[in-house]
Amino acid sequence: MPNIKSAKKRLLTNEKARVRNKARISALRTAEKRFREAVDAGDKDRAKECLKAVHKRLDKAVKLGTIHKNKSSRKKSRLAALLK
């Protein structure tokens, strides 16, 4: 447990950020799962919509600093290849 006042504050802000990041990553994984289910089912129209949603979530996660931009690019590329 931190003794310094600023360290106590950092502990609180880090916990809040951890919870927010966890929620974003969870939503991202759910969107990706829906996309993969649509691809497996052979529903190309729904898969395209889901891919768009995944791209949106990836871009938002990068913008907010949850994931690295290269990870986002790699996922986008692999998911687009999966759709083709």
PDB file of N, CA and C in Angstrom:
ATOM      1  N   MET A   1       0.848  -1.178   0.000  1.00  0.00           N
ATOM      2  CA  MET A   1       0.000   0.000   0.000  1.00  0.00           C
ATOM      3  C   MET A   1       0.892   1.239   0.000  1.00  0.00           C
ATOM      4  N   PRO A   2       0.568   2.224  -0.842  1.00  0.00           N
ATOM      5  CA  PRO A   2       1.417   3.422  -0.922  1.00  0.00           C
ATOM      6  C   PRO A   2       1.287   4.301   0.325  1.00  0.00           C
ATOM      7  N   ASN A   3       2.368   4.961   0.656  1.00  0.00           N
ATOM      8  CA  ASN A   3       2.387   5.875   1.806  1.00  0.00           C
ATOM      9  C   ASN A   3       2.301   7.335   1.376  1.00  0.00           C
ATOM     10  N   ILE A   4       2.818   7.619   0.203  1.00  0.00           N
ATOM     11  CA  ILE A   4       2.852   8.998  -0.291  1.00  0.00           C
ATOM     12  C   ILE A   4       1.496   9.360  -0.899  1.00  0.00           C
ATOM     13  N   LYS A   5       1.074  10.585  -0.681  1.00  0.00           N
ATOM     14  CA  LYS A   5      -0.245  11.042  -1.128  1.00  0.00           C
ATOM     15  C   LYS A   5      -0.425  10.902  -2.640  1.00  0.00           C
ATOM     16  N   SER A   6       0.586  11.304  -3.405  1.00  0.00           N
ATOM     17  CA  SER A   6       0.473  11.229  -4.866  1.00  0.00           C
ATOM     18  C   SER A   6       0.417   9.768  -5.333  1.00  0.00           C
ATOM     19  N   ALA A   7       1.109   8.882  -4.616  1.00  0.00           N
ATOM     20  CA  ALA A   7       1.075   7.458  -4.967  1.00  0.00           C
ATOM     21  C   ALA A   7      -0.308   6.881  -4.698  1.00  0.00           C
ATOM     22  N   LYS A   8      -0.969   7.340  -3.649  1.00  0.00           N
ATOM     23  CA  LYS A   8      -2.337   6.895  -3.347  1.00  0.00           C
ATOM     24  C   LYS A   8      -3.289   7.336  -4.453  1.00  0.00           C
ATOM     25  N   LYS A   9      -3.101   8.566  -4.920  1.00  0.00           N
ATOM     26  CA  LYS A   9      -3.934   9.078  -6.015  1.00  0.00           C
ATOM     27  C   LYS A   9      -3.717   8.257  -7.284  1.00  0.00           C
ATOM     28  N   ARG A  10      -2.450   7.944  -7.581  1.00  0.00           N
ATOM     29  CA  ARG A  10      -2.139   7.154  -8.772  1.00  0.00           C
ATOM     30  C   ARG A  10      -2.779   5.764  -8.689  1.00  0.00           C
ATOM     31  N   LEU A  11      -2.791   5.201  -7.494  1.00  0.00           N
ATOM     32  CA  LEU A  11      -3.408   3.898  -7.288  1.00  0.00           C
ATOM     33  C   LEU A  11      -4.884   3.940  -7.679  1.00  0.00           C
ATOM     34  N   LEU A  12      -5.567   5.012  -7.263  1.00  0.00           N
ATOM     35  CA  LEU A  12      -6.989   5.154  -7.588  1.00  0.00           C
ATOM     36  C   LEU A  12      -7.202   5.357  -9.088  1.00  0.00           C
ATOM     37  N   THR A  13      -6.404   6.228  -9.699  1.00  0.00           N
ATOM     38  CA  THR A  13      -6.588   6.488 -11.129  1.00  0.00           C
ATOM     39  C   THR A  13      -6.220   5.266 -11.962  1.00  0.00           C
ATOM     40  N   ASN A  14      -5.193   4.530 -11.528  1.00  0.00           N
ATOM     41  CA  ASN A  14      -4.812   3.316 -12.252  1.00  0.00           C
ATOM     42  C   ASN A  14      -5.926   2.276 -12.202  1.00  0.00           C
ATOM     43  N   GLU A  15      -6.580   2.161 -11.065  1.00  0.00           N
ATOM     44  CA  GLU A  15      -7.678   1.202 -10.929  1.00  0.00           C
ATOM     45  C   GLU A  15      -8.848   1.581 -11.834  1.00  0.00           C
ATOM     46  N   LYS A  16      -9.166   2.873 -11.883  1.00  0.00           N
ATOM     47  CA  LYS A  16     -10.253   3.334 -12.756  1.00  0.00           C
ATOM     48  C   LYS A  16      -9.922   3.050 -14.226  1.00  0.00           C
ATOM     49  N   ALA A  17      -8.678   3.324 -14.607  1.00  0.00           N
ATOM     50  CA  ALA A  17      -8.250   3.084 -15.989  1.00  0.00           C
ATOM     51  C   ALA A  17      -8.284   1.595 -16.310  1.00  0.00           C
ATOM     52  N   ARG A  18      -7.879   0.762 -15.349  1.00  0.00           N
ATOM     53  CA  ARG A  18      -7.879  -0.685 -15.563  1.00  0.00           C
ATOM     54  C   ARG A  18      -9.295  -1.184 -15.838  1.00  0.00           C
ATOM     55  N   VAL A  19     -10.246  -0.702 -15.072  1.00  0.00           N
ATOM     56  CA  VAL A  19     -11.641  -1.119 -15.241  1.00  0.00           C
ATOM     57  C   VAL A  19     -12.172  -0.664 -16.600  1.00  0.00           C
ATOM     58  N   ARG A  20     -11.857   0.595 -16.980  1.00  0.00           N
ATOM     59  CA  ARG A  20     -12.310   1.101 -18.282  1.00  0.00           C
ATOM     60  C   ARG A  20     -11.706   0.300 -19.426  1.00  0.00           C
ATOM     61  N   ASN A  21     -10.395   0.040 -19.343  1.00  0.00           N
ATOM     62  CA  ASN A  21      -9.721  -0.715 -20.401  1.00  0.00           C
ATOM     63  C   ASN A  21     -10.270  -2.127 -20.506  1.00  0.00           C
ATOM     64  N   LYS A  22     -10.542  -2.729 -19.370  1.00  0.00           N
ATOM     65  CA  LYS A  22     -11.079  -4.084 -19.363  1.00  0.00           C
ATOM     66  C   LYS A  22     -12.436  -4.130 -20.070  1.00  0.00           C
ATOM     67  N   ALA A  23     -13.271  -3.125 -19.813  1.00  0.00           N
ATOM     68  CA  ALA A  23     -14.588  -3.058 -20.453  1.00  0.00           C
ATOM     69  C   ALA A  23     -14.448  -2.882 -21.969  1.00  0.00           C
ATOM     70  N   ARG A  24     -13.514  -2.026 -22.382  1.00  0.00           N
ATOM     71  CA  ARG A  24     -13.308  -1.799 -23.824  1.00  0.00           C
ATOM     72  C   ARG A  24     -12.817  -3.064 -24.514  1.00  0.00           C
ATOM     73  N   ILE A  25     -11.880  -3.742 -23.899  1.00  0.00           N
ATOM     74  CA  ILE A  25     -11.325  -4.956 -24.497  1.00  0.00           C
ATOM     75  C   ILE A  25     -12.386  -6.051 -24.551  1.00  0.00           C
ATOM     76  N   SER A  26     -13.207  -6.130 -23.524  1.00  0.00           N
ATOM     77  CA  SER A  26     -14.280  -7.114 -23.499  1.00  0.00           C
ATOM     78  C   SER A  26     -15.274  -6.862 -24.641  1.00  0.00           C
ATOM     79  N   ALA A  27     -15.650  -5.607 -24.833  1.00  0.00           N
ATOM     80  CA  ALA A  27     -16.578  -5.250 -25.914  1.00  0.00           C
ATOM     81  C   ALA A  27     -15.954  -5.544 -27.274  1.00  0.00           C
ATOM     82  N   LEU A  28     -14.670  -5.298 -27.397  1.00  0.00           N
ATOM     83  CA  LEU A  28     -13.955  -5.578 -28.642  1.00  0.00           C
ATOM     84  C   LEU A  28     -13.962  -7.069 -28.949  1.00  0.00           C
ATOM     85  N   ARG A  29     -13.679  -7.881 -27.946  1.00  0.00           N
ATOM     86  CA  ARG A  29     -13.674  -9.336 -28.128  1.00  0.00           C
ATOM     87  C   ARG A  29     -15.056  -9.862 -28.493  1.00  0.00           C
ATOM     88  N   THR A  30     -16.090  -9.274 -27.880  1.00  0.00           N
ATOM     89  CA  THR A  30     -17.455  -9.689 -28.189  1.00  0.00           C
ATOM     90  C   THR A  30     -17.793  -9.368 -29.642  1.00  0.00           C
ATOM     91  N   ALA A  31     -17.412  -8.177 -30.094  1.00  0.00           N
ATOM     92  CA  ALA A  31     -17.673  -7.786 -31.479  1.00  0.00           C
ATOM     93  C   ALA A  31     -16.932  -8.712 -32.445  1.00  0.00           C
ATOM     94  N   GLU A  32     -15.694  -9.040 -32.103  1.00  0.00           N
ATOM     95  CA  GLU A  32     -14.909  -9.939 -32.952  1.00  0.00           C
ATOM     96  C   GLU A  32     -15.537 -11.334 -32.985  1.00  0.00           C
ATOM     97  N   LYS A  33     -16.037 -11.777 -31.853  1.00  0.00           N
ATOM     98  CA  LYS A  33     -16.691 -13.095 -31.764  1.00  0.00           C
ATOM     99  C   LYS A  33     -17.938 -13.135 -32.652  1.00  0.00           C
ATOM    100  N   ARG A  34     -18.722 -12.057 -32.622  1.00  0.00           N
ATOM    101  CA  ARG A  34     -19.922 -11.988 -33.477  1.00  0.00           C
ATOM    102  C   ARG A  34     -19.546 -12.040 -34.953  1.00  0.00           C
ATOM    103  N   PHE A  35     -18.458 -11.355 -35.305  1.00  0.00           N
ATOM    104  CA  PHE A  35     -17.988 -11.370 -36.685  1.00  0.00           C
ATOM    105  C   PHE A  35     -17.596 -12.784 -37.098  1.00  0.00           C
ATOM    106  N   ARG A  36     -16.816 -13.457 -36.256  1.00  0.00           N
ATOM    107  CA  ARG A  36     -16.370 -14.820 -36.578  1.00  0.00           C
ATOM    108  C   ARG A  36     -17.549 -15.781 -36.690  1.00  0.00           C
ATOM    109  N   GLU A  37     -18.569 -15.606 -35.852  1.00  0.00           N
ATOM    110  CA  GLU A  37     -19.771 -16.442 -35.934  1.00  0.00           C
ATOM    111  C   GLU A  37     -20.497 -16.218 -37.255  1.00  0.00           C
ATOM    112  N   ALA A  38     -20.572 -14.966 -37.691  1.00  0.00           N
ATOM    113  CA  ALA A  38     -21.227 -14.645 -38.958  1.00  0.00           C
ATOM    114  C   ALA A  38     -20.463 -15.258 -40.126  1.00  0.00           C
ATOM    115  N   VAL A  39     -19.137 -15.207 -40.067  1.00  0.00           N
ATOM    116  CA  VAL A  39     -18.317 -15.792 -41.127  1.00  0.00           C
ATOM    117  C   VAL A  39     -18.504 -17.308 -41.158  1.00  0.00           C
ATOM    118  N   ASP A  40     -18.489 -17.935 -39.989  1.00  0.00           N
ATOM    119  CA  ASP A  40     -18.656 -19.387 -39.911  1.00  0.00           C
ATOM    120  C   ASP A  40     -20.026 -19.822 -40.416  1.00  0.00           C
ATOM    121  N   ALA A  41     -21.044 -18.987 -40.169  1.00  0.00           N
ATOM    122  CA  ALA A  41     -22.391 -19.298 -40.623  1.00  0.00           C
ATOM    123  C   ALA A  41     -22.560 -19.054 -42.120  1.00  0.00           C
ATOM    124  N   GLY A  42     -21.619 -18.342 -42.723  1.00  0.00           N
ATOM    125  CA  GLY A  42     -21.685 -18.060 -44.155  1.00  0.00           C
ATOM    126  C   GLY A  42     -22.561 -16.869 -44.500  1.00  0.00           C
ATOM    127  N   ASP A  43     -22.934 -16.095 -43.511  1.00  0.00           N
ATOM    128  CA  ASP A  43     -23.772 -14.909 -43.712  1.00  0.00           C
ATOM    129  C   ASP A  43     -22.874 -13.705 -44.025  1.00  0.00           C
ATOM    130  N   LYS A  44     -22.627 -13.495 -45.320  1.00  0.00           N
ATOM    131  CA  LYS A  44     -21.653 -12.482 -45.746  1.00  0.00           C
ATOM    132  C   LYS A  44     -22.106 -11.053 -45.435  1.00  0.00           C
ATOM    133  N   ASP A  45     -23.401 -10.774 -45.582  1.00  0.00           N
ATOM    134  CA  ASP A  45     -23.898  -9.421 -45.310  1.00  0.00           C
ATOM    135  C   ASP A  45     -23.736  -9.055 -43.837  1.00  0.00           C
ATOM    136  N   ARG A  46     -24.140  -9.994 -42.975  1.00  0.00           N
ATOM    137  CA  ARG A  46     -24.004  -9.732 -41.538  1.00  0.00           C
ATOM    138  C   ARG A  46     -22.530  -9.642 -41.135  1.00  0.00           C
ATOM    139  N   ALA A  47     -21.704 -10.448 -41.781  1.00  0.00           N
ATOM    140  CA  ALA A  47     -20.275 -10.441 -41.486  1.00  0.00           C
ATOM    141  C   ALA A  47     -19.667  -9.081 -41.837  1.00  0.00           C
ATOM    142  N   LYS A  48     -20.101  -8.495 -42.950  1.00  0.00           N
ATOM    143  CA  LYS A  48     -19.595  -7.176 -43.335  1.00  0.00           C
ATOM    144  C   LYS A  48     -19.971  -6.119 -42.308  1.00  0.00           C
ATOM    145  N   GLU A  49     -21.222  -6.173 -41.836  1.00  0.00           N
ATOM    146  CA  GLU A  49     -21.664  -5.227 -40.811  1.00  0.00           C
ATOM    147  C   GLU A  49     -20.875  -5.407 -39.521  1.00  0.00           C
ATOM    148  N   CYS A  50     -20.664  -6.667 -39.146  1.00  0.00           N
ATOM    149  CA  CYS A  50     -19.918  -6.957 -37.924  1.00  0.00           C
ATOM    150  C   CYS A  50     -18.462  -6.516 -38.057  1.00  0.00           C
ATOM    151  N   LEU A  51     -17.895  -6.678 -39.240  1.00  0.00           N
ATOM    152  CA  LEU A  51     -16.512  -6.253 -39.464  1.00  0.00           C
ATOM    153  C   LEU A  51     -16.396  -4.743 -39.302  1.00  0.00           C
ATOM    154  N   LYS A  52     -17.387  -4.033 -39.797  1.00  0.00           N
ATOM    155  CA  LYS A  52     -17.408  -2.578 -39.653  1.00  0.00           C
ATOM    156  C   LYS A  52     -17.449  -2.195 -38.168  1.00  0.00           C
ATOM    157  N   ALA A  53     -18.243  -2.925 -37.391  1.00  0.00           N
ATOM    158  CA  ALA A  53     -18.345  -2.659 -35.953  1.00  0.00           C
ATOM    159  C   ALA A  53     -17.021  -2.959 -35.243  1.00  0.00           C
ATOM    160  N   VAL A  54     -16.354  -4.027 -35.661  1.00  0.00           N
ATOM    161  CA  VAL A  54     -15.066  -4.388 -35.061  1.00  0.00           C
ATOM    162  C   VAL A  54     -14.037  -3.308 -35.380  1.00  0.00           C
ATOM    163  N   HIS A  55     -14.010  -2.849 -36.613  1.00  0.00           N
ATOM    164  CA  HIS A  55     -13.071  -1.791 -37.003  1.00  0.00           C
ATOM    165  C   HIS A  55     -13.305  -0.525 -36.172  1.00  0.00           C
ATOM    166  N   LYS A  56     -14.562  -0.192 -35.970  1.00  0.00           N
ATOM    167  CA  LYS A  56     -14.899   0.988 -35.182  1.00  0.00           C
ATOM    168  C   LYS A  56     -14.382   0.846 -33.757  1.00  0.00           C
ATOM    169  N   ARG A  57     -14.597  -0.320 -33.166  1.00  0.00           N
ATOM    170  CA  ARG A  57     -14.140  -0.554 -31.784  1.00  0.00           C
ATOM    171  C   ARG A  57     -12.617  -0.553 -31.703  1.00  0.00           C
ATOM    172  N   LEU A  58     -11.955  -1.116 -32.701  1.00  0.00           N
ATOM    173  CA  LEU A  58     -10.488  -1.124 -32.718  1.00  0.00           C
ATOM    174  C   LEU A  58      -9.950   0.305 -32.789  1.00  0.00           C
ATOM    175  N   ASP A  59     -10.513   1.107 -33.682  1.00  0.00           N
ATOM    176  CA  ASP A  59     -10.065   2.489 -33.829  1.00  0.00           C
ATOM    177  C   ASP A  59     -10.268   3.284 -32.533  1.00  0.00           C
ATOM    178  N   LYS A  60     -11.399   3.054 -31.886  1.00  0.00           N
ATOM    179  CA  LYS A  60     -11.701   3.754 -30.637  1.00  0.00           C
ATOM    180  C   LYS A  60     -10.714   3.326 -29.544  1.00  0.00           C
ATOM    181  N   ALA A  61     -10.410   2.037 -29.483  1.00  0.00           N
ATOM    182  CA  ALA A  61      -9.474   1.540 -28.468  1.00  0.00           C
ATOM    183  C   ALA A  61      -8.077   2.126 -28.673  1.00  0.00           C
ATOM    184  N   VAL A  62      -7.671   2.274 -29.932  1.00  0.00           N
ATOM    185  CA  VAL A  62      -6.358   2.872 -30.226  1.00  0.00           C
ATOM    186  C   VAL A  62      -6.364   4.342 -29.832  1.00  0.00           C
ATOM    187  N   LYS A  63      -7.412   5.043 -30.203  1.00  0.00           N
ATOM    188  CA  LYS A  63      -7.505   6.470 -29.915  1.00  0.00           C
ATOM    189  C   LYS A  63      -7.444   6.742 -28.412  1.00  0.00           C
ATOM    190  N   LEU A  64      -8.048   5.861 -27.632  1.00  0.00           N
ATOM    191  CA  LEU A  64      -8.102   6.054 -26.183  1.00  0.00           C
ATOM    192  C   LEU A  64      -6.920   5.419 -25.458  1.00  0.00           C
ATOM    193  N   GLY A  65      -6.024   4.778 -26.214  1.00  0.00           N
ATOM    194  CA  GLY A  65      -4.805   4.247 -25.615  1.00  0.00           C
ATOM    195  C   GLY A  65      -4.943   2.883 -24.973  1.00  0.00           C
ATOM    196  N   THR A  66      -6.012   2.175 -25.269  1.00  0.00           N
ATOM    197  CA  THR A  66      -6.214   0.853 -24.678  1.00  0.00           C
ATOM    198  C   THR A  66      -5.326  -0.188 -25.337  1.00  0.00           C
ATOM    199  N   ILE A  67      -5.205  -0.127 -26.667  1.00  0.00           N
ATOM    200  CA  ILE A  67      -4.343  -1.060 -27.389  1.00  0.00           C
ATOM    201  C   ILE A  67      -3.415  -0.274 -28.309  1.00  0.00           C
ATOM    202  N   HIS A  68      -2.381  -0.927 -28.789  1.00  0.00           N
ATOM    203  CA  HIS A  68      -1.404  -0.297 -29.671  1.00  0.00           C
ATOM    204  C   HIS A  68      -1.945  -0.274 -31.097  1.00  0.00           C
ATOM    205  N   LYS A  69      -1.562   0.734 -31.856  1.00  0.00           N
ATOM    206  CA  LYS A  69      -2.086   0.885 -33.222  1.00  0.00           C
ATOM    207  C   LYS A  69      -1.650  -0.258 -34.132  1.00  0.00           C
ATOM    208  N   ASN A  70      -0.467  -0.820 -33.900  1.00  0.00           N
ATOM    209  CA  ASN A  70      -0.024  -1.943 -34.734  1.00  0.00           C
ATOM    210  C   ASN A  70      -0.862  -3.189 -34.484  1.00  0.00           C
ATOM    211  N   LYS A  71      -1.279  -3.384 -33.255  1.00  0.00           N
ATOM    212  CA  LYS A  71      -2.146  -4.519 -32.942  1.00  0.00           C
ATOM    213  C   LYS A  71      -3.485  -4.356 -33.652  1.00  0.00           C
ATOM    214  N   SER A  72      -3.982  -3.134 -33.655  1.00  0.00           N
ATOM    215  CA  SER A  72      -5.234  -2.842 -34.339  1.00  0.00           C
ATOM    216  C   SER A  72      -5.112  -3.122 -35.835  1.00  0.00           C
ATOM    217  N   SER A  73      -4.034  -2.657 -36.441  1.00  0.00           N
ATOM    218  CA  SER A  73      -3.816  -2.859 -37.873  1.00  0.00           C
ATOM    219  C   SER A  73      -3.718  -4.345 -38.203  1.00  0.00           C
ATOM    220  N   ARG A  74      -3.005  -5.069 -37.375  1.00  0.00           N
ATOM    221  CA  ARG A  74      -2.839  -6.504 -37.595  1.00  0.00           C
ATOM    222  C   ARG A  74      -4.184  -7.227 -37.519  1.00  0.00           C
ATOM    223  N   LYS A  75      -5.000  -6.887 -36.509  1.00  0.00           N
ATOM    224  CA  LYS A  75      -6.312  -7.517 -36.369  1.00  0.00           C
ATOM    225  C   LYS A  75      -7.223  -7.179 -37.542  1.00  0.00           C
ATOM    226  N   LYS A  76      -7.218  -5.908 -37.947  1.00  0.00           N
ATOM    227  CA  LYS A  76      -8.048  -5.497 -39.083  1.00  0.00           C
ATOM    228  C   LYS A  76      -7.684  -6.286 -40.333  1.00  0.00           C
ATOM    229  N   SER A  77      -6.401  -6.411 -40.578  1.00  0.00           N
ATOM    230  CA  SER A  77      -5.919  -7.123 -41.756  1.00  0.00           C
ATOM    231  C   SER A  77      -6.344  -8.588 -41.734  1.00  0.00           C
ATOM    232  N   ARG A  78      -6.147  -9.224 -40.600  1.00  0.00           N
ATOM    233  CA  ARG A  78      -6.472 -10.654 -40.487  1.00  0.00           C
ATOM    234  C   ARG A  78      -7.974 -10.907 -40.583  1.00  0.00           C
ATOM    235  N   LEU A  79      -8.773 -10.030 -39.998  1.00  0.00           N
ATOM    236  CA  LEU A  79     -10.213 -10.205 -40.064  1.00  0.00           C
ATOM    237  C   LEU A  79     -10.736  -9.957 -41.475  1.00  0.00           C
ATOM    238  N   ALA A  80     -10.172  -8.972 -42.173  1.00  0.00           N
ATOM    239  CA  ALA A  80     -10.572  -8.702 -43.552  1.00  0.00           C
ATOM    240  C   ALA A  80     -10.214  -9.897 -44.444  1.00  0.00           C
ATOM    241  N   ALA A  81      -9.067 -10.498 -44.200  1.00  0.00           N
ATOM    242  CA  ALA A  81      -8.652 -11.675 -44.972  1.00  0.00           C
ATOM    243  C   ALA A  81      -9.593 -12.837 -44.693  1.00  0.00           C
ATOM    244  N   LEU A  82     -10.061 -12.934 -43.470  1.00  0.00           N
ATOM    245  CA  LEU A  82     -10.982 -14.008 -43.096  1.00  0.00           C
ATOM    246  C   LEU A  82     -12.315 -13.852 -43.818  1.00  0.00           C
ATOM    247  N   LEU A  83     -12.724 -12.604 -44.013  1.00  0.00           N
ATOM    248  CA  LEU A  83     -13.994 -12.343 -44.708  1.00  0.00           C
ATOM    249  C   LEU A  83     -13.901 -12.746 -46.168  1.00  0.00           C
ATOM    250  N   LYS A  84     -12.733 -12.500 -46.792  1.00  0.00           N
ATOM    251  CA  LYS A  84     -12.558 -12.843 -48.201  1.00  0.00           C
ATOM    252  C   LYS A  84     -12.511 -14.348 -48.342  1.00  0.00           C
TER     253      LYS A  84
END
